[in-house]
Amino acid sequence: MSISAIILAGGRATRMNGTDKGLVLLQSKPLIQHVIERLTPQVDEILINANRELAQYQAFGYTVLKDEVDDFLGPLAGFSLGLQNAKHDYVLIVPCDSPLMPVDLAQRLMSALIKHQADIALASSDSITHPVFCLCKKILLPSLTAYLEQGERRVSAWQKSQQYIEVDFSDCNEDFTNLNTFEDLAELALKLS
């Protein structure tokens, strides 16, 4: 089954002094480039949700989608853009700041989604849910639109209101390392060197 992916790079990165996280370098490569390299073999289409530095994101060669509202609605704005613009019926959503993302993320989420007849499969590891690593069916767009129109913004609350399944990735917990601060970045760079 064909899968579209949207990389969430539209946040404000307040803990990185507002630096555009997807463009921060790790091993001389922007974080988003690490994510793209891991995603490419897993999906049939890649979209990027960004709200700043649009030309730099467009330089990666993928469609860049800006939030429709300017006041940073959070990750669900990116979810919504993915569900609206994806070519395929299944949309994988991932953040731009997790360069070690599992290489079998899409396949494992899709297997669970089908097996459990769910509409959303989300990753978890060591009893921690990773709501922005998920696979959604496009048919969820009306539900998400209604949720956002009510002023709601919490990703996990919306997911749990749907037919969802959590998929255990405890065997590769480290792969979900996300880099929220420059300290996190330095620590991972040291680990990888």
N, C-alpha and C. Protein backbone atom coordinates (compact mmCIF):
# COMPACT_ATOMS: atom_id res chain seq x y z
N MET A 1 0.83 -1.20 0.00
CA MET A 1 0.00 0.00 0.00
C MET A 1 0.86 1.25 0.00
N SER A 2 0.47 2.22 -0.80
CA SER A 2 1.26 3.45 -0.93
C SER A 2 1.06 4.37 0.27
N ILE A 3 2.15 4.99 0.68
CA ILE A 3 2.14 5.86 1.86
C ILE A 3 2.74 7.21 1.51
N SER A 4 2.07 8.27 1.93
CA SER A 4 2.64 9.62 1.88
C SER A 4 3.19 9.90 3.27
N ALA A 5 4.17 10.79 3.35
CA ALA A 5 4.69 11.19 4.67
C ALA A 5 4.73 12.70 4.73
N ILE A 6 4.49 13.23 5.92
CA ILE A 6 4.70 14.66 6.13
C ILE A 6 5.65 14.82 7.31
N ILE A 7 6.68 15.62 7.09
CA ILE A 7 7.66 15.91 8.14
C ILE A 7 7.25 17.22 8.78
N LEU A 8 7.07 17.20 10.09
CA LEU A 8 6.66 18.40 10.83
C LEU A 8 7.88 19.25 11.16
N ALA A 9 7.98 20.39 10.48
CA ALA A 9 9.10 21.31 10.72
C ALA A 9 8.56 22.73 10.89
N GLY A 10 7.32 22.82 11.36
CA GLY A 10 6.66 24.13 11.43
C GLY A 10 6.61 24.76 12.79
N GLY A 11 7.30 24.16 13.77
CA GLY A 11 7.22 24.67 15.15
C GLY A 11 8.07 25.90 15.39
N ARG A 12 7.93 26.45 16.59
CA ARG A 12 8.66 27.68 16.93
C ARG A 12 10.03 27.41 17.55
N ALA A 13 10.28 26.16 17.99
CA ALA A 13 11.57 25.78 18.58
C ALA A 13 11.99 26.74 19.70
N THR A 14 11.09 27.00 20.62
CA THR A 14 11.37 27.97 21.69
C THR A 14 12.56 27.54 22.55
N ARG A 15 12.76 26.22 22.73
CA ARG A 15 13.88 25.76 23.55
C ARG A 15 15.22 25.80 22.80
N MET A 16 15.15 26.16 21.51
CA MET A 16 16.39 26.36 20.73
C MET A 16 16.47 27.82 20.30
N ASN A 17 15.98 28.70 21.17
CA ASN A 17 16.00 30.15 20.92
C ASN A 17 15.38 30.52 19.57
N GLY A 18 14.38 29.74 19.14
CA GLY A 18 13.67 30.07 17.92
C GLY A 18 14.39 29.65 16.64
N THR A 19 15.53 28.97 16.78
CA THR A 19 16.25 28.47 15.60
C THR A 19 15.36 27.46 14.89
N ASP A 20 15.35 27.47 13.57
CA ASP A 20 14.52 26.52 12.82
C ASP A 20 15.14 25.13 12.96
N LYS A 21 14.50 24.28 13.76
CA LYS A 21 15.11 23.00 14.15
C LYS A 21 15.49 22.10 12.98
N GLY A 22 14.65 22.03 11.98
CA GLY A 22 14.92 21.14 10.86
C GLY A 22 16.21 21.48 10.13
N LEU A 23 16.67 22.73 10.28
CA LEU A 23 17.85 23.19 9.55
C LEU A 23 19.12 23.19 10.42
N VAL A 24 18.96 22.84 11.70
CA VAL A 24 20.12 22.75 12.60
C VAL A 24 20.98 21.56 12.14
N LEU A 25 22.30 21.74 12.18
CA LEU A 25 23.20 20.71 11.67
C LEU A 25 23.56 19.65 12.71
N LEU A 26 23.58 18.41 12.26
CA LEU A 26 24.10 17.28 13.02
C LEU A 26 25.00 16.53 12.06
N GLN A 27 26.25 16.35 12.42
CA GLN A 27 27.22 15.71 11.52
C GLN A 27 27.23 16.39 10.14
N SER A 28 27.27 17.70 10.15
CA SER A 28 27.33 18.54 8.93
C SER A 28 26.12 18.43 8.01
N LYS A 29 25.02 17.91 8.52
CA LYS A 29 23.80 17.75 7.72
C LYS A 29 22.61 18.29 8.50
N PRO A 30 21.68 19.02 7.85
CA PRO A 30 20.49 19.49 8.57
C PRO A 30 19.70 18.29 9.13
N LEU A 31 19.08 18.49 10.29
CA LEU A 31 18.30 17.41 10.92
C LEU A 31 17.28 16.84 9.95
N ILE A 32 16.61 17.71 9.19
CA ILE A 32 15.57 17.21 8.29
C ILE A 32 16.17 16.29 7.20
N GLN A 33 17.42 16.53 6.84
CA GLN A 33 18.05 15.67 5.83
C GLN A 33 18.21 14.24 6.37
N HIS A 34 18.57 14.13 7.64
CA HIS A 34 18.66 12.80 8.28
C HIS A 34 17.30 12.10 8.21
N VAL A 35 16.24 12.86 8.52
CA VAL A 35 14.88 12.30 8.51
C VAL A 35 14.48 11.88 7.09
N ILE A 36 14.75 12.74 6.12
CA ILE A 36 14.42 12.43 4.72
C ILE A 36 15.12 11.14 4.28
N GLU A 37 16.39 11.00 4.64
CA GLU A 37 17.14 9.80 4.24
C GLU A 37 16.55 8.53 4.84
N ARG A 38 16.02 8.64 6.05
CA ARG A 38 15.39 7.47 6.68
C ARG A 38 14.00 7.19 6.11
N LEU A 39 13.32 8.26 5.71
CA LEU A 39 11.95 8.12 5.19
C LEU A 39 11.90 7.61 3.75
N THR A 40 12.83 8.08 2.93
CA THR A 40 12.77 7.82 1.49
C THR A 40 12.51 6.36 1.12
N PRO A 41 13.21 5.38 1.71
CA PRO A 41 12.93 3.98 1.34
C PRO A 41 11.59 3.46 1.88
N GLN A 42 10.98 4.21 2.80
CA GLN A 42 9.78 3.71 3.48
C GLN A 42 8.47 4.19 2.87
N VAL A 43 8.52 5.30 2.14
CA VAL A 43 7.27 5.93 1.68
C VAL A 43 7.33 6.26 0.19
N ASP A 44 6.17 6.61 -0.37
CA ASP A 44 6.05 6.90 -1.80
C ASP A 44 6.00 8.39 -2.11
N GLU A 45 5.81 9.20 -1.07
CA GLU A 45 5.74 10.66 -1.25
C GLU A 45 6.16 11.31 0.05
N ILE A 46 6.92 12.42 -0.06
CA ILE A 46 7.31 13.18 1.13
C ILE A 46 6.83 14.62 0.97
N LEU A 47 6.19 15.13 2.02
CA LEU A 47 5.77 16.52 2.11
C LEU A 47 6.46 17.11 3.34
N ILE A 48 6.68 18.40 3.34
CA ILE A 48 7.29 19.06 4.49
C ILE A 48 6.36 20.17 4.96
N ASN A 49 6.08 20.21 6.26
CA ASN A 49 5.31 21.30 6.86
C ASN A 49 6.31 22.26 7.51
N ALA A 50 6.43 23.47 6.96
CA ALA A 50 7.34 24.48 7.51
C ALA A 50 6.66 25.83 7.48
N ASN A 51 7.03 26.69 8.41
CA ASN A 51 6.43 28.02 8.47
C ASN A 51 7.44 29.15 8.32
N ARG A 52 8.73 28.80 8.33
CA ARG A 52 9.80 29.78 8.17
C ARG A 52 10.84 29.18 7.23
N GLU A 53 11.75 30.00 6.77
CA GLU A 53 12.86 29.51 5.92
C GLU A 53 12.33 28.62 4.79
N LEU A 54 11.22 29.02 4.18
CA LEU A 54 10.56 28.18 3.18
C LEU A 54 11.46 27.83 2.00
N ALA A 55 12.25 28.80 1.54
CA ALA A 55 13.14 28.54 0.40
C ALA A 55 14.16 27.46 0.73
N GLN A 56 14.67 27.49 1.95
CA GLN A 56 15.65 26.47 2.35
C GLN A 56 15.01 25.08 2.38
N TYR A 57 13.77 25.01 2.84
CA TYR A 57 13.09 23.71 2.84
C TYR A 57 12.74 23.25 1.43
N GLN A 58 12.35 24.20 0.57
CA GLN A 58 12.02 23.85 -0.82
C GLN A 58 13.24 23.31 -1.55
N ALA A 59 14.43 23.74 -1.12
CA ALA A 59 15.68 23.29 -1.76
C ALA A 59 15.89 21.77 -1.61
N PHE A 60 15.19 21.13 -0.69
CA PHE A 60 15.31 19.67 -0.55
C PHE A 60 14.57 18.93 -1.66
N GLY A 61 13.73 19.68 -2.42
CA GLY A 61 13.08 19.09 -3.58
C GLY A 61 11.71 18.48 -3.34
N TYR A 62 11.11 18.79 -2.19
CA TYR A 62 9.78 18.25 -1.87
C TYR A 62 8.79 19.39 -1.72
N THR A 63 7.51 19.07 -1.81
CA THR A 63 6.46 20.06 -1.61
C THR A 63 6.53 20.56 -0.16
N VAL A 64 6.54 21.88 0.01
CA VAL A 64 6.56 22.49 1.33
C VAL A 64 5.21 23.14 1.57
N LEU A 65 4.58 22.80 2.68
CA LEU A 65 3.25 23.31 3.03
C LEU A 65 3.34 24.16 4.28
N LYS A 66 2.81 25.37 4.19
CA LYS A 66 2.82 26.30 5.32
C LYS A 66 1.46 26.21 6.02
N ASP A 67 1.47 26.34 7.36
CA ASP A 67 0.22 26.34 8.11
C ASP A 67 -0.74 27.35 7.49
N GLU A 68 -2.03 27.01 7.51
CA GLU A 68 -3.03 27.91 6.94
C GLU A 68 -3.34 29.08 7.87
N VAL A 69 -3.02 28.89 9.16
CA VAL A 69 -3.26 29.94 10.16
C VAL A 69 -1.89 30.36 10.68
N ASP A 70 -1.68 31.65 10.89
CA ASP A 70 -0.35 32.14 11.26
C ASP A 70 0.01 32.02 12.74
N ASP A 71 -0.91 31.61 13.60
CA ASP A 71 -0.58 31.65 15.03
C ASP A 71 -0.16 30.30 15.60
N PHE A 72 0.58 29.51 14.84
CA PHE A 72 1.17 28.25 15.32
C PHE A 72 0.19 27.39 16.11
N LEU A 73 -0.62 26.63 15.39
CA LEU A 73 -1.61 25.77 16.04
C LEU A 73 -0.97 24.51 16.61
N GLY A 74 0.30 24.33 16.36
CA GLY A 74 0.98 23.14 16.87
C GLY A 74 0.99 22.02 15.83
N PRO A 75 1.41 20.82 16.26
CA PRO A 75 1.59 19.71 15.32
C PRO A 75 0.34 19.33 14.53
N LEU A 76 -0.85 19.51 15.13
CA LEU A 76 -2.06 19.09 14.42
C LEU A 76 -2.30 19.91 13.15
N ALA A 77 -1.75 21.12 13.08
CA ALA A 77 -1.85 21.89 11.84
C ALA A 77 -1.12 21.15 10.72
N GLY A 78 0.04 20.57 11.06
CA GLY A 78 0.80 19.77 10.11
C GLY A 78 0.10 18.48 9.76
N PHE A 79 -0.51 17.84 10.76
CA PHE A 79 -1.30 16.63 10.50
C PHE A 79 -2.37 16.95 9.45
N SER A 80 -3.07 18.07 9.68
CA SER A 80 -4.16 18.47 8.80
C SER A 80 -3.66 18.71 7.37
N LEU A 81 -2.54 19.41 7.24
CA LEU A 81 -1.97 19.66 5.91
C LEU A 81 -1.61 18.35 5.22
N GLY A 82 -1.06 17.41 5.98
CA GLY A 82 -0.71 16.11 5.42
C GLY A 82 -1.94 15.37 4.92
N LEU A 83 -2.98 15.34 5.72
CA LEU A 83 -4.21 14.63 5.33
C LEU A 83 -4.88 15.30 4.13
N GLN A 84 -4.77 16.63 4.05
CA GLN A 84 -5.38 17.36 2.93
C GLN A 84 -4.61 17.19 1.62
N ASN A 85 -3.29 17.13 1.70
CA ASN A 85 -2.46 17.23 0.49
C ASN A 85 -1.80 15.93 0.05
N ALA A 86 -1.86 14.89 0.85
CA ALA A 86 -1.21 13.63 0.49
C ALA A 86 -1.87 13.02 -0.74
N LYS A 87 -1.06 12.41 -1.58
CA LYS A 87 -1.57 11.72 -2.78
C LYS A 87 -2.16 10.36 -2.40
N HIS A 88 -1.70 9.80 -1.29
CA HIS A 88 -2.08 8.43 -0.94
C HIS A 88 -3.03 8.38 0.26
N ASP A 89 -3.66 7.23 0.46
CA ASP A 89 -4.69 7.09 1.51
C ASP A 89 -4.11 6.95 2.91
N TYR A 90 -2.82 6.68 2.99
CA TYR A 90 -2.17 6.53 4.29
C TYR A 90 -1.10 7.60 4.42
N VAL A 91 -1.08 8.27 5.59
CA VAL A 91 -0.15 9.37 5.79
C VAL A 91 0.68 9.10 7.05
N LEU A 92 1.99 9.01 6.85
CA LEU A 92 2.93 8.85 7.96
C LEU A 92 3.34 10.23 8.42
N ILE A 93 3.26 10.48 9.72
CA ILE A 93 3.62 11.79 10.26
C ILE A 93 4.82 11.60 11.17
N VAL A 94 5.85 12.42 10.94
CA VAL A 94 7.07 12.34 11.75
C VAL A 94 7.60 13.76 12.02
N PRO A 95 8.34 13.94 13.12
CA PRO A 95 8.93 15.25 13.39
C PRO A 95 10.27 15.41 12.66
N CYS A 96 10.72 16.66 12.52
CA CYS A 96 11.98 16.93 11.82
C CYS A 96 13.19 16.77 12.73
N ASP A 97 12.95 16.58 14.04
CA ASP A 97 14.07 16.63 14.99
C ASP A 97 14.41 15.26 15.59
N SER A 98 14.09 14.19 14.87
CA SER A 98 14.42 12.84 15.33
C SER A 98 15.22 12.12 14.25
N PRO A 99 16.51 12.43 14.18
CA PRO A 99 17.34 11.93 13.08
C PRO A 99 17.59 10.42 13.10
N LEU A 100 17.29 9.76 14.21
CA LEU A 100 17.53 8.31 14.30
C LEU A 100 16.26 7.49 14.07
N MET A 101 15.22 8.12 13.59
CA MET A 101 13.92 7.48 13.38
C MET A 101 14.05 6.05 12.84
N PRO A 102 13.22 5.11 13.33
CA PRO A 102 13.33 3.71 12.88
C PRO A 102 13.21 3.56 11.37
N VAL A 103 14.05 2.70 10.81
CA VAL A 103 14.04 2.47 9.36
C VAL A 103 12.86 1.60 8.93
N ASP A 104 12.18 1.00 9.90
CA ASP A 104 11.00 0.18 9.57
C ASP A 104 9.73 0.76 10.20
N LEU A 105 9.75 2.06 10.47
CA LEU A 105 8.62 2.73 11.13
C LEU A 105 7.32 2.55 10.35
N ALA A 106 7.34 2.89 9.07
CA ALA A 106 6.12 2.82 8.25
C ALA A 106 5.58 1.39 8.18
N GLN A 107 6.46 0.45 7.95
CA GLN A 107 6.05 -0.95 7.79
C GLN A 107 5.41 -1.50 9.07
N ARG A 108 6.02 -1.22 10.21
CA ARG A 108 5.48 -1.73 11.48
C ARG A 108 4.14 -1.08 11.84
N LEU A 109 4.05 0.24 11.59
CA LEU A 109 2.79 0.94 11.87
C LEU A 109 1.68 0.45 10.94
N MET A 110 2.01 0.25 9.66
CA MET A 110 1.02 -0.22 8.69
C MET A 110 0.53 -1.63 9.05
N SER A 111 1.44 -2.51 9.43
CA SER A 111 1.06 -3.88 9.81
C SER A 111 0.07 -3.87 10.96
N ALA A 112 0.34 -3.05 11.98
CA ALA A 112 -0.55 -2.97 13.14
C ALA A 112 -1.89 -2.35 12.78
N LEU A 113 -1.86 -1.32 11.94
CA LEU A 113 -3.08 -0.63 11.52
C LEU A 113 -4.02 -1.63 10.84
N ILE A 114 -3.47 -2.41 9.93
CA ILE A 114 -4.28 -3.39 9.19
C ILE A 114 -4.75 -4.51 10.11
N LYS A 115 -3.82 -5.05 10.89
CA LYS A 115 -4.15 -6.18 11.77
C LYS A 115 -5.28 -5.83 12.75
N HIS A 116 -5.25 -4.61 13.28
CA HIS A 116 -6.23 -4.21 14.30
C HIS A 116 -7.38 -3.38 13.72
N GLN A 117 -7.41 -3.25 12.39
CA GLN A 117 -8.45 -2.47 11.70
C GLN A 117 -8.61 -1.09 12.33
N ALA A 118 -7.47 -0.45 12.57
CA ALA A 118 -7.46 0.88 13.19
C ALA A 118 -7.38 1.96 12.11
N ASP A 119 -7.60 3.20 12.52
CA ASP A 119 -7.47 4.33 11.61
C ASP A 119 -6.18 5.10 11.86
N ILE A 120 -5.62 4.90 13.06
CA ILE A 120 -4.33 5.53 13.42
C ILE A 120 -3.49 4.49 14.15
N ALA A 121 -2.22 4.41 13.77
CA ALA A 121 -1.26 3.59 14.53
C ALA A 121 -0.17 4.55 15.00
N LEU A 122 0.08 4.54 16.31
CA LEU A 122 1.12 5.43 16.81
C LEU A 122 2.19 4.66 17.54
N ALA A 123 3.39 5.18 17.48
CA ALA A 123 4.54 4.51 18.09
C ALA A 123 4.58 4.75 19.58
N SER A 124 5.04 3.73 20.30
CA SER A 124 5.34 3.90 21.72
C SER A 124 6.57 3.05 22.02
N SER A 125 7.26 3.40 23.09
CA SER A 125 8.41 2.60 23.51
C SER A 125 8.61 2.80 25.00
N ASP A 126 8.93 1.71 25.67
CA ASP A 126 9.13 1.75 27.12
C ASP A 126 8.00 2.51 27.83
N SER A 127 6.77 2.19 27.44
CA SER A 127 5.54 2.76 28.03
C SER A 127 5.37 4.25 27.79
N ILE A 128 6.13 4.82 26.86
CA ILE A 128 5.97 6.23 26.50
C ILE A 128 5.41 6.29 25.09
N THR A 129 4.33 7.06 24.93
CA THR A 129 3.72 7.22 23.61
C THR A 129 4.43 8.34 22.86
N HIS A 130 4.61 8.14 21.56
CA HIS A 130 5.23 9.14 20.69
C HIS A 130 4.18 9.59 19.67
N PRO A 131 3.26 10.49 20.07
CA PRO A 131 2.11 10.82 19.22
C PRO A 131 2.45 11.42 17.87
N VAL A 132 3.62 12.07 17.72
CA VAL A 132 3.94 12.64 16.42
C VAL A 132 4.70 11.67 15.51
N PHE A 133 4.76 10.41 15.91
CA PHE A 133 5.21 9.33 15.03
C PHE A 133 4.00 8.44 14.80
N CYS A 134 3.25 8.71 13.75
CA CYS A 134 2.03 7.93 13.57
C CYS A 134 1.67 7.78 12.10
N LEU A 135 0.85 6.79 11.85
CA LEU A 135 0.33 6.54 10.51
C LEU A 135 -1.18 6.71 10.60
N CYS A 136 -1.73 7.60 9.75
CA CYS A 136 -3.17 7.90 9.76
C CYS A 136 -3.79 7.60 8.41
N LYS A 137 -5.05 7.24 8.45
CA LYS A 137 -5.81 7.15 7.20
C LYS A 137 -6.30 8.55 6.84
N LYS A 138 -6.29 8.86 5.55
CA LYS A 138 -6.74 10.17 5.09
C LYS A 138 -8.20 10.46 5.44
N ILE A 139 -8.99 9.40 5.59
CA ILE A 139 -10.41 9.58 5.89
C ILE A 139 -10.66 10.28 7.23
N LEU A 140 -9.59 10.46 8.03
CA LEU A 140 -9.74 11.12 9.33
C LEU A 140 -9.78 12.65 9.23
N LEU A 141 -9.57 13.18 8.03
CA LEU A 141 -9.52 14.64 7.90
C LEU A 141 -10.76 15.36 8.45
N PRO A 142 -12.00 14.93 8.14
CA PRO A 142 -13.16 15.64 8.70
C PRO A 142 -13.17 15.66 10.22
N SER A 143 -12.78 14.55 10.84
CA SER A 143 -12.73 14.47 12.30
C SER A 143 -11.70 15.45 12.86
N LEU A 144 -10.53 15.50 12.22
CA LEU A 144 -9.47 16.41 12.68
C LEU A 144 -9.89 17.86 12.47
N THR A 145 -10.50 18.16 11.35
CA THR A 145 -10.95 19.52 11.06
C THR A 145 -11.95 19.98 12.13
N ALA A 146 -12.89 19.11 12.46
CA ALA A 146 -13.89 19.44 13.49
C ALA A 146 -13.22 19.68 14.84
N TYR A 147 -12.25 18.85 15.17
CA TYR A 147 -11.51 18.96 16.44
C TYR A 147 -10.79 20.31 16.52
N LEU A 148 -10.11 20.68 15.43
CA LEU A 148 -9.39 21.96 15.40
C LEU A 148 -10.35 23.15 15.45
N GLU A 149 -11.50 23.01 14.79
CA GLU A 149 -12.50 24.10 14.79
C GLU A 149 -13.08 24.34 16.18
N GLN A 150 -13.02 23.31 17.03
CA GLN A 150 -13.49 23.47 18.42
C GLN A 150 -12.43 24.15 19.29
N GLY A 151 -11.28 24.47 18.68
CA GLY A 151 -10.21 25.13 19.42
C GLY A 151 -9.29 24.15 20.13
N GLU A 152 -9.47 22.87 19.87
CA GLU A 152 -8.63 21.85 20.51
C GLU A 152 -7.28 21.76 19.79
N ARG A 153 -6.22 21.40 20.55
CA ARG A 153 -4.88 21.34 19.97
C ARG A 153 -4.09 20.10 20.40
N ARG A 154 -4.61 19.33 21.34
CA ARG A 154 -3.81 18.22 21.89
C ARG A 154 -3.82 17.01 20.96
N VAL A 155 -2.64 16.66 20.48
CA VAL A 155 -2.49 15.57 19.53
C VAL A 155 -3.03 14.26 20.08
N SER A 156 -2.56 13.87 21.28
CA SER A 156 -2.95 12.56 21.81
C SER A 156 -4.44 12.47 22.11
N ALA A 157 -5.04 13.58 22.53
CA ALA A 157 -6.49 13.56 22.82
C ALA A 157 -7.27 13.28 21.54
N TRP A 158 -6.87 13.91 20.44
CA TRP A 158 -7.55 13.65 19.17
C TRP A 158 -7.32 12.20 18.73
N GLN A 159 -6.07 11.74 18.80
CA GLN A 159 -5.77 10.37 18.37
C GLN A 159 -6.60 9.35 19.15
N LYS A 160 -6.70 9.57 20.45
CA LYS A 160 -7.40 8.59 21.30
C LYS A 160 -8.91 8.65 21.14
N SER A 161 -9.39 9.70 20.43
CA SER A 161 -10.83 9.76 20.15
C SER A 161 -11.16 8.96 18.88
N GLN A 162 -10.14 8.43 18.23
CA GLN A 162 -10.31 7.66 16.99
C GLN A 162 -10.08 6.17 17.27
N GLN A 163 -10.23 5.36 16.22
CA GLN A 163 -9.87 3.94 16.30
C GLN A 163 -8.35 3.88 16.19
N TYR A 164 -7.67 3.78 17.35
CA TYR A 164 -6.22 3.85 17.29
C TYR A 164 -5.58 2.62 17.94
N ILE A 165 -4.33 2.40 17.57
CA ILE A 165 -3.55 1.31 18.14
C ILE A 165 -2.15 1.84 18.43
N GLU A 166 -1.60 1.47 19.58
CA GLU A 166 -0.21 1.82 19.88
C GLU A 166 0.67 0.66 19.47
N VAL A 167 1.79 0.96 18.85
CA VAL A 167 2.71 -0.06 18.36
C VAL A 167 4.01 0.04 19.16
N ASP A 168 4.40 -1.07 19.76
CA ASP A 168 5.56 -1.08 20.65
C ASP A 168 6.88 -1.13 19.89
N PHE A 169 7.69 -0.11 20.10
CA PHE A 169 9.02 -0.03 19.50
C PHE A 169 10.09 -0.05 20.60
N SER A 170 9.82 -0.72 21.72
CA SER A 170 10.77 -0.73 22.83
C SER A 170 12.12 -1.33 22.43
N ASP A 171 12.11 -2.15 21.37
CA ASP A 171 13.36 -2.75 20.89
C ASP A 171 14.30 -1.70 20.28
N CYS A 172 13.77 -0.51 19.98
CA CYS A 172 14.62 0.55 19.40
C CYS A 172 14.25 1.91 19.98
N ASN A 173 14.12 1.95 21.29
CA ASN A 173 13.71 3.16 22.01
C ASN A 173 14.57 4.38 21.65
N GLU A 174 15.88 4.17 21.49
CA GLU A 174 16.81 5.26 21.17
C GLU A 174 16.45 5.97 19.86
N ASP A 175 15.80 5.23 18.95
CA ASP A 175 15.47 5.79 17.64
C ASP A 175 14.49 6.97 17.72
N PHE A 176 13.85 7.11 18.87
CA PHE A 176 12.87 8.19 19.03
C PHE A 176 13.46 9.41 19.73
N THR A 177 14.78 9.42 19.89
CA THR A 177 15.45 10.56 20.49
C THR A 177 15.09 11.80 19.68
N ASN A 178 14.50 12.80 20.37
CA ASN A 178 14.25 14.04 19.64
C ASN A 178 15.04 15.16 20.28
N LEU A 179 15.47 16.06 19.44
CA LEU A 179 16.42 17.09 19.85
C LEU A 179 15.70 18.41 20.07
N ASN A 180 15.42 18.69 21.34
CA ASN A 180 14.68 19.91 21.68
C ASN A 180 15.58 21.08 22.05
N THR A 181 16.81 20.76 22.44
CA THR A 181 17.73 21.82 22.89
C THR A 181 19.09 21.62 22.22
N PHE A 182 19.92 22.65 22.31
CA PHE A 182 21.28 22.52 21.77
C PHE A 182 22.09 21.51 22.58
N GLU A 183 21.74 21.35 23.85
CA GLU A 183 22.40 20.35 24.70
C GLU A 183 22.09 18.94 24.18
N ASP A 184 20.81 18.70 23.84
CA ASP A 184 20.42 17.40 23.26
C ASP A 184 21.22 17.13 21.99
N LEU A 185 21.37 18.15 21.18
CA LEU A 185 22.08 18.04 19.90
C LEU A 185 23.55 17.68 20.14
N ALA A 186 24.18 18.40 21.07
CA ALA A 186 25.59 18.17 21.38
C ALA A 186 25.80 16.75 21.91
N GLU A 187 24.88 16.31 22.77
CA GLU A 187 24.95 14.98 23.37
C GLU A 187 24.87 13.89 22.30
N LEU A 188 23.93 14.05 21.35
CA LEU A 188 23.78 13.05 20.29
C LEU A 188 24.99 13.09 19.35
N ALA A 189 25.48 14.27 19.03
CA ALA A 189 26.65 14.40 18.15
C ALA A 189 27.84 13.66 18.75
N LEU A 190 28.00 13.78 20.06
CA LEU A 190 29.09 13.11 20.78
C LEU A 190 28.92 11.60 20.71
N LYS A 191 27.68 11.15 20.93
CA LYS A 191 27.36 9.72 20.89
C LYS A 191 27.64 9.10 19.51
N LEU A 192 27.34 9.88 18.47
CA LEU A 192 27.47 9.35 17.10
C LEU A 192 28.92 9.45 16.59
N SER A 193 29.74 10.28 17.23
CA SER A 193 31.11 10.47 16.71
C SER A 193 32.04 9.33 17.07
